[in-house]
Protein backbone atom coordinates (compact mmCIF):
# COMPACT_ATOMS: atom_id res chain seq x y z
CA UNK A 1 0.00 0.00 0.00
CA UNK A 2 2.82 2.41 0.84
CA UNK A 3 4.61 1.48 -2.38
CA UNK A 4 1.47 2.30 -4.38
CA UNK A 5 1.19 5.74 -2.74
CA UNK A 6 4.88 6.42 -3.37
CA UNK A 7 4.44 5.55 -7.06
CA UNK A 8 1.44 7.85 -7.29
CA UNK A 9 3.36 10.63 -5.55
CA UNK A 10 6.28 10.23 -7.93
CA UNK A 11 3.90 10.36 -10.90
CA UNK A 12 2.30 13.51 -9.47
CA UNK A 13 5.71 15.13 -9.05
CA UNK A 14 6.51 14.38 -12.71
CA UNK A 15 3.12 15.72 -13.80
CA UNK A 16 3.67 18.87 -11.73
CA UNK A 17 7.12 19.40 -13.24
CA UNK A 18 5.71 18.92 -16.73
CA UNK A 19 2.81 21.30 -15.99
CA UNK A 20 5.22 23.91 -14.65
CA UNK A 21 7.32 23.61 -17.82
CA UNK A 22 4.22 23.99 -20.03
CA UNK A 23 3.08 26.95 -17.91
CA UNK A 24 6.49 28.58 -18.31
CA UNK A 25 6.40 28.09 -22.10
CA UNK A 26 2.89 29.55 -22.22
CA UNK A 27 4.00 32.58 -20.23
CA UNK A 28 6.93 33.06 -22.55
CA UNK A 29 4.60 32.70 -25.54
CA UNK A 30 2.12 35.16 -24.02
CA UNK A 31 4.89 37.63 -23.32
CA UNK A 32 6.15 37.26 -26.88
CA UNK A 33 2.65 37.71 -28.36
CA UNK A 34 1.88 40.65 -26.11
CA UNK A 35 5.19 42.26 -27.11
CA UNK A 36 4.49 41.65 -30.77
CA UNK A 37 0.91 42.95 -30.43
CA UNK A 38 2.20 45.99 -28.61
CA UNK A 39 4.69 46.63 -31.41
CA UNK A 40 2.01 46.30 -34.09
CA UNK A 41 -0.36 48.55 -32.16
CA UNK A 42 2.37 51.13 -31.60
CA UNK A 43 3.39 51.11 -35.25
CA UNK A 44 -0.24 51.37 -36.36
CA UNK A 45 -0.89 54.30 -34.09
CA UNK A 46 2.37 55.91 -35.19
CA UNK A 47 1.48 55.47 -38.84
CA UNK A 48 -2.04 56.85 -38.36
CA UNK A 49 -0.61 59.81 -36.44
CA UNK A 50 1.83 60.57 -39.23
CA UNK A 51 -0.92 60.37 -41.80
CA UNK A 52 -3.13 62.66 -39.71
CA UNK A 53 -0.37 65.17 -39.32
CA UNK A 54 0.38 65.11 -43.01
CA UNK A 55 -3.27 65.57 -43.93
CA UNK A 56 -3.57 68.70 -41.84
CA UNK A 57 -1.77 70.79 -44.50
CA UNK A 58 -3.93 72.48 -47.11
CA UNK A 59 -1.59 71.62 -49.82
CA UNK A 60 -1.29 67.89 -48.98
CA UNK A 61 -2.40 65.75 -51.79
CA UNK A 62 -2.03 61.94 -51.68
CA UNK A 63 -1.62 59.95 -54.72
CA UNK A 64 -4.04 57.18 -55.39
CA UNK A 65 -1.28 54.65 -55.09
CA UNK A 66 -0.35 55.97 -51.68
CA UNK A 67 -3.95 55.82 -50.49
CA UNK A 68 -4.25 52.27 -51.71
CA UNK A 69 -0.99 51.34 -49.99
CA UNK A 70 -2.24 52.98 -46.82
CA UNK A 71 -5.46 50.97 -46.82
CA UNK A 72 -3.54 47.77 -47.53
CA UNK A 73 -1.17 48.37 -44.64
CA UNK A 74 -4.05 49.29 -42.36
CA UNK A 75 -5.97 46.17 -43.33
CA UNK A 76 -2.85 44.01 -42.90
CA UNK A 77 -2.18 45.58 -39.52
CA UNK A 78 -5.80 44.99 -38.50
CA UNK A 79 -5.67 41.34 -39.59
CA UNK A 80 -2.36 40.87 -37.81
CA UNK A 81 -3.78 42.53 -34.72
CA UNK A 82 -6.88 40.29 -34.81
CA UNK A 83 -4.73 37.20 -35.38
CA UNK A 84 -2.42 38.08 -32.55
CA UNK A 85 -5.37 38.91 -30.31
CA UNK A 86 -7.03 35.57 -31.09
CA UNK A 87 -3.79 33.71 -30.62
CA UNK A 88 -3.23 35.56 -27.37
CA UNK A 89 -6.72 34.64 -26.17
CA UNK A 90 -6.11 30.97 -27.01
CA UNK A 91 -2.79 31.00 -25.21
CA UNK A 92 -4.38 32.73 -22.22
CA UNK A 93 -7.17 30.17 -22.24
CA UNK A 94 -4.63 27.33 -22.38
CA UNK A 95 -2.66 29.12 -19.67
CA UNK A 96 -5.76 29.28 -17.49
CA UNK A 97 -6.51 25.60 -18.14
CA UNK A 98 -2.91 24.65 -17.39
CA UNK A 99 -2.95 26.71 -14.21
CA UNK A 100 -6.13 24.96 -13.09
CA UNK A 101 -4.56 21.58 -13.93
CA UNK A 102 -1.43 22.63 -12.09
CA UNK A 103 -3.50 23.63 -9.07
CA UNK A 104 -5.23 20.27 -9.16
CA UNK A 105 -1.87 18.54 -9.39
CA UNK A 106 -0.63 20.59 -6.42
CA UNK A 107 -3.73 19.65 -4.42
CA UNK A 108 -3.33 16.02 -5.43
CA UNK A 109 0.33 16.18 -4.50
CA UNK A 110 -0.54 17.64 -1.12
CA UNK A 111 -3.13 14.90 -0.58
CA UNK A 112 -0.55 12.29 -1.49
CA UNK A 113 2.01 13.89 0.84
CA UNK A 114 -0.56 13.83 3.64
CA UNK A 115 -1.41 10.26 2.76
CA UNK A 116 2.28 9.38 2.68
CA UNK A 117 2.77 10.92 6.11
CA UNK A 118 -0.21 8.99 7.42
CA UNK A 119 1.15 5.77 5.95
CA UNK A 120 4.55 6.46 7.47
CA UNK A 121 2.91 6.88 10.86
CA UNK A 122 0.99 3.64 10.31
CA UNK A 123 4.20 1.94 9.24
CA UNK A 124 5.93 3.16 12.39
CA UNK A 125 3.03 1.91 14.52
CA UNK A 126 3.07 -1.44 12.70
CA UNK A 127 6.83 -1.75 13.16
CA UNK A 128 6.45 -1.06 16.87
CA UNK A 129 3.64 -3.59 17.02
CA UNK A 130 5.73 -6.15 15.15
CA UNK A 131 8.59 -5.50 17.57
CA UNK A 132 6.25 -6.07 20.52
CA UNK A 133 4.88 -9.21 18.86
CA UNK A 134 8.42 -10.48 18.26
CA UNK A 135 9.17 -10.00 21.95
CA UNK A 136 5.90 -11.71 22.86
CA UNK A 137 6.64 -14.61 20.49
CA UNK A 138 10.17 -14.95 21.87
CA UNK A 139 8.86 -14.97 25.44
CA UNK A 140 6.14 -17.48 24.57
CA UNK A 141 8.62 -19.64 22.66
CA UNK A 142 10.82 -19.83 25.75
CA UNK A 143 7.78 -20.66 27.88
CA UNK A 144 6.65 -23.25 25.33
CA UNK A 145 10.08 -24.88 25.28
CA UNK A 146 10.08 -25.03 29.08
CA UNK A 147 6.58 -26.51 29.08
CA UNK A 148 7.64 -29.10 26.50
CA UNK A 149 10.66 -29.99 28.62
CA UNK A 150 8.46 -30.28 31.72
CA UNK A 151 5.93 -32.33 29.72
CA UNK A 152 8.61 -34.74 28.54
CA UNK A 153 9.97 -34.99 32.08
CA UNK A 154 6.50 -35.65 33.48
CA UNK A 155 5.82 -38.18 30.71
CA UNK A 156 9.01 -40.06 31.68
CA UNK A 157 8.03 -39.95 35.34
CA UNK A 158 4.52 -41.16 34.48
CA UNK A 159 5.93 -44.00 32.37
CA UNK A 160 8.26 -44.98 35.18
CA UNK A 161 5.39 -44.75 37.68
CA UNK A 162 3.19 -46.88 35.43
CA UNK A 163 5.99 -49.42 35.11
CA UNK A 164 6.46 -49.49 38.88
CA UNK A 165 2.68 -49.73 39.34
CA UNK A 166 2.57 -52.65 36.90
CA UNK A 167 5.39 -54.37 38.76
CA UNK A 168 3.73 -53.72 42.13
CA UNK A 169 0.39 -54.89 40.75
CA UNK A 170 1.93 -58.09 39.40
CA UNK A 171 3.67 -58.65 42.74
CA UNK A 172 0.39 -57.94 44.55
CA UNK A 173 -1.47 -60.39 42.32
CA UNK A 174 1.19 -62.98 43.07
CA UNK A 175 0.84 -62.37 46.79
CA UNK A 176 -2.97 -62.49 46.49
CA UNK A 177 -2.74 -65.76 44.55
CA UNK A 178 -0.48 -67.17 47.23
CA UNK A 179 -2.85 -65.93 49.92
CA UNK A 180 -5.79 -67.52 48.12
CA UNK A 181 -3.88 -70.78 47.72
CA UNK A 182 -2.84 -70.61 51.34
CA UNK A 183 -6.42 -69.87 52.36
CA UNK A 184 -7.71 -72.79 50.29
CA UNK A 185 -5.02 -75.04 51.69
CA UNK A 186 -5.84 -73.80 55.16
CA UNK A 187 -9.54 -74.38 54.58
CA UNK A 188 -8.91 -77.84 53.13
CA UNK A 189 -6.51 -78.65 55.95
CA UNK A 190 -9.02 -77.34 58.49
CA UNK A 191 -11.83 -79.38 56.93
CA UNK A 192 -9.66 -82.48 56.82
CA UNK A 193 -8.64 -81.94 60.41
CA UNK A 194 -12.26 -81.40 61.38
CA UNK A 195 -13.28 -84.59 59.61
CA UNK A 196 -10.47 -86.52 61.34
CA UNK A 197 -11.54 -85.17 64.73
CA UNK A 198 -15.17 -86.12 64.09
CA UNK A 199 -14.09 -89.58 62.91
CA UNK A 200 -12.03 -90.09 66.08
CA UNK A 201 -14.96 -88.97 68.21
CA UNK A 202 -17.22 -91.41 66.36
CA UNK A 203 -14.77 -94.24 66.97
CA UNK A 204 -14.66 -93.29 70.66
CA UNK A 205 -18.39 -92.80 71.14
CA UNK A 206 -19.75 -95.58 68.99
CA UNK A 207 -18.07 -99.01 69.06
CA UNK A 208 -18.30 -100.61 65.65
CA UNK A 209 -16.96 -97.58 63.73
CA UNK A 210 -13.91 -98.83 61.77
CA UNK A 211 -12.82 -95.78 59.77
CA UNK A 212 -12.64 -94.62 56.13
CA UNK A 213 -12.82 -97.22 53.42
CA UNK A 214 -9.60 -95.97 51.75
CA UNK A 215 -7.74 -96.32 55.07
CA UNK A 216 -9.02 -99.88 55.57
CA UNK A 217 -7.96 -101.06 52.08
CA UNK A 218 -4.23 -101.36 51.60
CA UNK A 219 -2.94 -102.68 48.23
CA UNK A 220 -0.30 -105.39 48.27
CA UNK A 221 1.84 -103.11 46.10
CA UNK A 222 1.94 -99.37 45.48
CA UNK A 223 1.38 -99.87 41.77
CA UNK A 224 -2.19 -100.90 42.57
CA UNK A 225 -2.98 -97.66 44.41
CA UNK A 226 -4.47 -95.92 41.38
CA UNK A 227 -6.50 -98.99 40.47
CA UNK A 228 -7.79 -99.14 44.02
CA UNK A 229 -8.95 -95.54 43.96
CA UNK A 230 -10.69 -96.17 40.64
CA UNK A 231 -12.53 -99.15 42.10
CA UNK A 232 -13.56 -97.36 45.26
CA UNK A 233 -14.68 -94.26 43.37
CA UNK A 234 -16.93 -91.88 45.32
CA UNK A 235 -17.08 -94.34 48.26
CA UNK A 236 -13.38 -93.84 48.89
CA UNK A 237 -14.02 -91.55 51.91
CA UNK A 238 -17.06 -93.48 53.13
CA UNK A 239 -16.95 -94.59 56.78
CA UNK A 240 -17.34 -98.33 57.47
CA UNK A 241 -19.54 -99.31 60.46
CA UNK A 242 -20.85 -102.64 61.72
CA UNK A 243 -24.56 -101.91 61.72
CA UNK A 244 -26.94 -99.56 59.95
CA UNK A 245 -28.13 -98.16 63.31
CA UNK A 246 -24.60 -97.12 64.18
CA UNK A 247 -24.41 -95.30 60.84
CA UNK A 248 -27.65 -93.40 61.59
CA UNK A 249 -26.37 -92.44 65.06
CA UNK A 250 -23.16 -91.19 63.52
CA UNK A 251 -25.10 -89.11 60.98
CA UNK A 252 -27.12 -87.53 63.77
CA UNK A 253 -23.93 -86.75 65.71
CA UNK A 254 -22.32 -85.12 62.66
CA UNK A 255 -25.41 -82.95 62.18
CA UNK A 256 -25.27 -81.86 65.82
CA UNK A 257 -21.59 -80.96 65.39
CA UNK A 258 -22.31 -79.10 62.12
CA UNK A 259 -19.81 -81.24 60.28
CA UNK A 260 -19.67 -82.01 56.57
CA UNK A 261 -22.03 -84.77 55.37
CA UNK A 262 -20.44 -88.25 55.26
CA UNK A 263 -21.32 -91.52 53.59
CA UNK A 264 -21.57 -94.64 55.80
CA UNK A 265 -21.27 -98.27 54.71
CA UNK A 266 -22.92 -100.65 57.21
CA UNK A 267 -21.35 -104.09 57.00
CA UNK A 268 -24.63 -105.84 57.85
CA UNK A 269 -26.23 -104.50 54.67
CA UNK A 270 -23.46 -105.58 52.29
CA UNK A 271 -24.22 -108.57 50.09
CA UNK A 272 -20.77 -109.72 48.94
CA UNK A 273 -20.32 -112.06 45.99
CA UNK A 274 -17.90 -114.96 46.29
CA UNK A 275 -14.41 -114.00 45.16
CA UNK A 276 -13.13 -115.70 42.02
CA UNK A 277 -10.04 -117.43 43.29
CA UNK A 278 -8.48 -117.30 39.83
CA UNK A 279 -8.19 -113.53 40.17
CA UNK A 280 -5.82 -113.87 43.09
CA UNK A 281 -3.13 -115.27 40.79
CA UNK A 282 -3.17 -112.18 38.53
CA UNK A 283 -0.06 -110.14 38.81
């Protein structure tokens, strides 16, 4: 925008210089025409005065040729005077037009100078604003760099904290698993101990209670242990008693002691098949 105004101002200066030069030429031309017109007028008046003075004598007689020459010169002088007057009027008119154009150029130049001054003030204000913005940007850039550094530092600390949390969580899960296993083992051990205590009480209180079936059956060799458990199946922990009544009394006792339910095998209700003696020779 400032460049455009400067170009316009330069063009106005050139136009003003050109208008001044044209105005000067017109003034010179007017001066020359006025001088020439003045000379013609002076000579005409001088000639007419001489003729008038010569005609005052009684004995003055002009020849026809002289009269004709006089009229020709007077006519020529009149035409020249009219021509110079018209030319002078045209030059004056052009001079007036040029002066008006020059005045417009001067006014336009003044407007452009004022505009240029205004733009210079705006430029100065903008430069000051840019300088302030540069300082603000520099300050914010430093703050931003510090914030980025702090962010990276915090991110590293967060990552390390998350890693430590993960490690602690895994360790905690391991401890919780161990605690659960220990609790289950404790519960199982407690239940087994409770069952053993109840079984001992049953043996003490009710004669004819022999014990668990798995404890009463002992294989001749350890390799038959798995086969034995398969054969016994769900009756492996069943308690063997002599009579059905003893089994019912034991069940009532277990209920009173809030123990786990147990299966009883009364021997008087078992109908055993004869053993095939040929099976004894197997193995």
